[in-house]
Amino acid sequence: MKRFVLAVSSVALAGLAVSPAYAGGKAASSTAPANSSSKVTCTTSTAVGHTPIKVAQPVAATKKNRTITLNTNCGSIVIAADGIHAPLAVNAMTAFANSGYFNESICHRLTTQGIFVLQCGDPTASGSGGPAWWYANENLPKGAVNDYPAGTVALANAGIQDGHATNGSQFFLVYADTTLPPAYTIWGHVTSGLNVLKAIAAAGTDNAFGNGDGHPNQTVSIVTATSK
């Protein structure tokens, strides 16, 4: 399966190799913007890449705003999920969260140059995992400088394949204003926990994919997730 990626400086990263199952952080080699919090304490994570549980695709996309909470080993991240403008995404994220799909899953990618995001939602921790179904793009920005501002939560995808979008379970959390092609569904905004993201980013990345892009040095995992 094609790896779920984001474009950095208009260069596609789909061809970069990833390890089958990422299990921890590496020595620091790249760091994020300096406005990161020093008050965040992370506990040791025992999460490892694993086979995702099966989750049925939601039958109907109910238009309802929700609150999705990611309880990570570095603290809670609370997301105001926009079910009015991105009902397909929010219903999918609710199904994943409330089924335990995200539990004990590693956030496998941190980017600290060009774009500023933490990518999560793949239980395999390979960057290629997801459910056996896709859904369409929604709520795409118009395309401008900083079209994915700090606090944005959006879907990662593998581009258009066989004429359809490839949205699944993977998503990214933006910790500093970021400019991207308008190709990633915006489905929420961080209302609490941006300091957690900035602290994770400040610890840097192992630069496994180059240009400040790789696995987080500070291992971060979603211990549990809920949607209400």
Protein backbone atom coordinates (compact mmCIF):
# COMPACT_ATOMS: atom_id res chain seq x y z
CA MET A 1 0.00 0.00 0.00
CA LYS A 2 1.26 3.47 -0.76
CA ARG A 3 2.55 5.32 2.26
CA PHE A 4 0.37 8.11 3.64
CA VAL A 5 2.29 11.33 3.15
CA LEU A 6 2.21 15.10 3.24
CA ALA A 7 4.02 17.27 0.73
CA VAL A 8 7.03 19.21 2.00
CA SER A 9 8.23 22.14 -0.10
CA SER A 10 6.26 20.70 -3.04
CA VAL A 11 8.30 17.47 -2.94
CA ALA A 12 6.33 14.23 -2.57
CA LEU A 13 7.68 11.86 0.06
CA ALA A 14 5.89 8.70 -1.06
CA GLY A 15 9.04 6.92 -2.14
CA LEU A 16 10.79 7.07 1.24
CA ALA A 17 11.30 3.76 2.99
CA VAL A 18 9.89 3.22 6.47
CA SER A 19 10.58 0.54 9.02
CA PRO A 20 7.90 -2.19 9.35
CA ALA A 21 7.18 -1.27 12.96
CA TYR A 22 8.60 1.79 14.67
CA ALA A 23 9.03 1.22 18.40
CA GLY A 24 10.79 4.24 19.87
CA GLY A 25 12.69 7.50 19.61
CA LYS A 26 16.24 8.12 18.39
CA ALA A 27 19.04 10.54 19.21
CA ALA A 28 18.16 14.15 18.48
CA SER A 29 19.12 15.46 15.08
CA SER A 30 16.47 18.04 14.21
CA THR A 31 14.39 20.35 16.30
CA ALA A 32 11.21 22.37 15.99
CA PRO A 33 10.50 26.09 16.55
CA ALA A 34 11.71 27.30 19.94
CA ASN A 35 8.30 28.28 21.34
CA SER A 36 7.73 24.83 22.81
CA SER A 37 6.61 24.15 26.36
CA SER A 38 9.06 22.75 28.92
CA LYS A 39 6.29 21.79 31.35
CA VAL A 40 5.20 18.59 29.63
CA THR A 41 6.21 15.26 31.19
CA CYS A 42 6.00 12.07 29.16
CA THR A 43 5.71 8.65 30.72
CA THR A 44 7.37 5.58 29.21
CA SER A 45 5.32 4.13 26.36
CA THR A 46 5.04 0.38 25.84
CA ALA A 47 3.15 0.73 22.55
CA VAL A 48 4.47 -1.10 19.49
CA GLY A 49 3.28 -1.41 15.92
CA HIS A 50 0.47 -3.93 15.66
CA THR A 51 -2.26 -5.20 13.38
CA PRO A 52 -5.24 -2.81 13.43
CA ILE A 53 -8.55 -4.08 14.72
CA LYS A 54 -11.37 -4.17 12.18
CA VAL A 55 -13.73 -1.21 12.29
CA ALA A 56 -16.86 -1.03 10.14
CA GLN A 57 -17.26 2.06 7.99
CA PRO A 58 -19.99 4.35 9.37
CA VAL A 59 -23.15 3.93 7.32
CA ALA A 60 -24.35 7.52 7.62
CA ALA A 61 -22.38 10.72 8.03
CA THR A 62 -24.31 12.43 10.82
CA LYS A 63 -23.60 16.15 10.90
CA LYS A 64 -22.70 16.66 14.54
CA ASN A 65 -19.82 18.47 16.20
CA ARG A 66 -17.93 16.30 18.66
CA THR A 67 -15.10 16.42 21.15
CA ILE A 68 -12.36 13.88 20.52
CA THR A 69 -9.77 13.37 23.25
CA LEU A 70 -6.44 11.69 22.67
CA ASN A 71 -4.98 10.56 25.99
CA THR A 72 -1.28 10.23 25.18
CA ASN A 73 1.70 9.27 27.30
CA CYS A 74 2.70 12.95 27.14
CA GLY A 75 -0.69 14.35 28.16
CA SER A 76 -4.18 14.84 26.79
CA ILE A 77 -4.91 16.48 23.46
CA VAL A 78 -8.51 17.67 23.08
CA ILE A 79 -9.91 18.26 19.61
CA ALA A 80 -13.06 20.17 18.68
CA ALA A 81 -14.19 17.98 15.78
CA ASP A 82 -16.11 19.82 13.03
CA GLY A 83 -18.84 17.35 12.15
CA ILE A 84 -20.81 20.02 10.28
CA HIS A 85 -18.21 20.70 7.60
CA ALA A 86 -16.42 17.33 7.69
CA PRO A 87 -19.06 14.73 8.65
CA LEU A 88 -17.41 11.80 6.86
CA ALA A 89 -14.13 12.40 8.64
CA VAL A 90 -15.62 13.06 12.07
CA ASN A 91 -17.89 10.02 11.91
CA ALA A 92 -14.90 7.90 10.89
CA MET A 93 -12.70 9.33 13.65
CA THR A 94 -15.47 8.73 16.17
CA ALA A 95 -15.74 5.10 15.07
CA PHE A 96 -11.99 4.65 15.37
CA ALA A 97 -11.75 6.37 18.74
CA ASN A 98 -14.68 4.64 20.41
CA SER A 99 -13.81 1.18 19.10
CA GLY A 100 -10.31 1.25 20.61
CA TYR A 101 -8.66 1.35 17.16
CA PHE A 102 -6.26 4.11 18.23
CA ASN A 103 -5.45 2.63 21.65
CA GLU A 104 -1.74 1.94 22.26
CA SER A 105 -0.78 3.26 18.84
CA ILE A 106 2.39 5.23 18.15
CA CYS A 107 2.43 8.64 16.48
CA HIS A 108 4.93 7.59 13.86
CA ARG A 109 6.02 10.79 12.13
CA LEU A 110 7.20 14.26 13.13
CA THR A 111 8.15 16.97 10.66
CA THR A 112 10.13 19.97 11.91
CA GLN A 113 11.24 21.75 8.74
CA GLY A 114 9.05 23.18 6.00
CA ILE A 115 5.89 21.90 7.67
CA PHE A 116 5.23 21.42 11.37
CA VAL A 117 3.10 18.36 12.06
CA LEU A 118 2.84 15.24 14.20
CA GLN A 119 1.24 12.34 12.31
CA CYS A 120 -0.74 9.64 14.12
CA GLY A 121 -3.54 7.14 13.54
CA ASP A 122 -1.65 4.15 12.11
CA PRO A 123 -1.61 1.22 14.57
CA THR A 124 1.06 -0.51 12.47
CA ALA A 125 3.40 2.48 13.02
CA SER A 126 4.70 1.96 9.48
CA GLY A 127 3.00 4.92 7.82
CA SER A 128 1.03 2.58 5.54
CA GLY A 129 -1.64 1.20 7.87
CA GLY A 130 -5.34 1.93 7.88
CA PRO A 131 -8.81 0.42 7.57
CA ALA A 132 -10.05 -1.55 4.58
CA TRP A 133 -12.15 1.37 3.34
CA TRP A 134 -11.76 4.94 2.11
CA TYR A 135 -13.88 8.08 2.14
CA ALA A 136 -13.99 11.37 0.26
CA ASN A 137 -12.24 14.66 0.92
CA GLU A 138 -14.15 17.42 2.71
CA ASN A 139 -13.58 20.91 4.04
CA LEU A 140 -10.42 21.58 2.05
CA PRO A 141 -8.87 25.05 2.50
CA LYS A 142 -8.69 27.42 -0.45
CA GLY A 143 -4.91 27.24 -0.60
CA ALA A 144 -2.86 30.11 0.81
CA VAL A 145 0.08 30.81 3.05
CA ASN A 146 -0.47 29.10 6.42
CA ASP A 147 -3.62 27.41 5.18
CA TYR A 148 -3.11 24.82 7.95
CA PRO A 149 -2.57 27.07 11.00
CA ALA A 150 -1.34 25.92 14.40
CA GLY A 151 -3.90 23.70 16.11
CA THR A 152 -5.39 22.33 12.87
CA VAL A 153 -6.19 18.62 12.76
CA ALA A 154 -6.46 17.11 9.28
CA LEU A 155 -6.43 13.78 7.47
CA ALA A 156 -3.26 12.38 5.94
CA ASN A 157 -3.77 10.57 2.66
CA ALA A 158 -1.98 8.74 -0.14
CA GLY A 159 -3.31 10.96 -2.91
CA ILE A 160 -5.95 9.96 -5.44
CA GLN A 161 -5.86 6.28 -6.37
CA ASP A 162 -8.08 4.71 -9.04
CA GLY A 163 -10.13 7.88 -9.09
CA HIS A 164 -10.97 8.03 -5.40
CA ALA A 165 -9.62 9.73 -2.30
CA THR A 166 -7.61 7.67 0.18
CA ASN A 167 -8.68 9.01 3.56
CA GLY A 168 -8.56 6.41 6.32
CA SER A 169 -7.44 6.51 9.95
CA GLN A 170 -4.24 8.56 9.68
CA PHE A 171 -4.29 12.21 10.66
CA PHE A 172 -1.88 14.99 11.51
CA LEU A 173 -1.82 17.63 14.23
CA VAL A 174 -0.31 21.00 13.32
CA TYR A 175 1.80 22.58 16.08
CA ALA A 176 2.97 25.69 14.17
CA ASP A 177 1.49 27.54 11.19
CA THR A 178 2.00 25.41 8.08
CA THR A 179 1.51 25.85 4.35
CA LEU A 180 0.42 22.75 2.42
CA PRO A 181 -1.38 22.03 -0.84
CA PRO A 182 -5.15 22.18 -0.16
CA ALA A 183 -5.43 18.39 -0.39
CA TYR A 184 -5.97 17.37 3.23
CA THR A 185 -9.39 17.37 4.90
CA ILE A 186 -9.53 19.65 7.94
CA TRP A 187 -11.75 17.99 10.51
CA GLY A 188 -10.89 19.63 13.81
CA HIS A 189 -8.91 22.05 15.93
CA VAL A 190 -6.88 21.47 19.09
CA THR A 191 -8.53 23.24 22.03
CA SER A 192 -6.23 21.83 24.71
CA GLY A 193 -2.85 20.17 24.46
CA LEU A 194 -1.06 22.35 21.91
CA ASN A 195 1.70 22.66 24.53
CA VAL A 196 2.00 18.86 24.44
CA LEU A 197 2.52 18.93 20.67
CA LYS A 198 5.09 21.72 20.92
CA ALA A 199 7.05 19.86 23.60
CA ILE A 200 7.12 16.71 21.46
CA ALA A 201 8.28 18.78 18.51
CA ALA A 202 10.98 20.50 20.59
CA ALA A 203 12.55 17.10 21.30
CA GLY A 204 13.13 16.76 17.57
CA THR A 205 13.12 13.92 15.09
CA ASP A 206 15.57 11.20 14.10
CA ASN A 207 15.51 12.66 10.58
CA ALA A 208 14.94 9.20 9.11
CA PHE A 209 13.29 10.62 6.00
CA GLY A 210 15.55 13.68 5.70
CA ASN A 211 14.97 17.43 5.89
CA GLY A 212 13.69 17.40 9.47
CA ASP A 213 11.25 14.58 8.79
CA GLY A 214 11.26 11.29 10.68
CA HIS A 215 10.17 9.52 13.84
CA PRO A 216 9.79 11.65 16.98
CA ASN A 217 12.76 11.43 19.34
CA GLN A 218 10.25 11.55 22.17
CA THR A 219 8.15 8.44 21.69
CA VAL A 220 4.49 9.46 21.80
CA SER A 221 1.58 7.05 21.78
CA ILE A 222 -2.18 7.35 22.04
CA VAL A 223 -2.98 5.36 25.17
CA THR A 224 -6.73 5.72 24.73
CA ALA A 225 -9.05 7.86 22.61
CA THR A 226 -12.68 8.87 23.04
CA SER A 227 -15.26 10.80 21.05
CA LYS A 228 -18.33 12.45 22.59
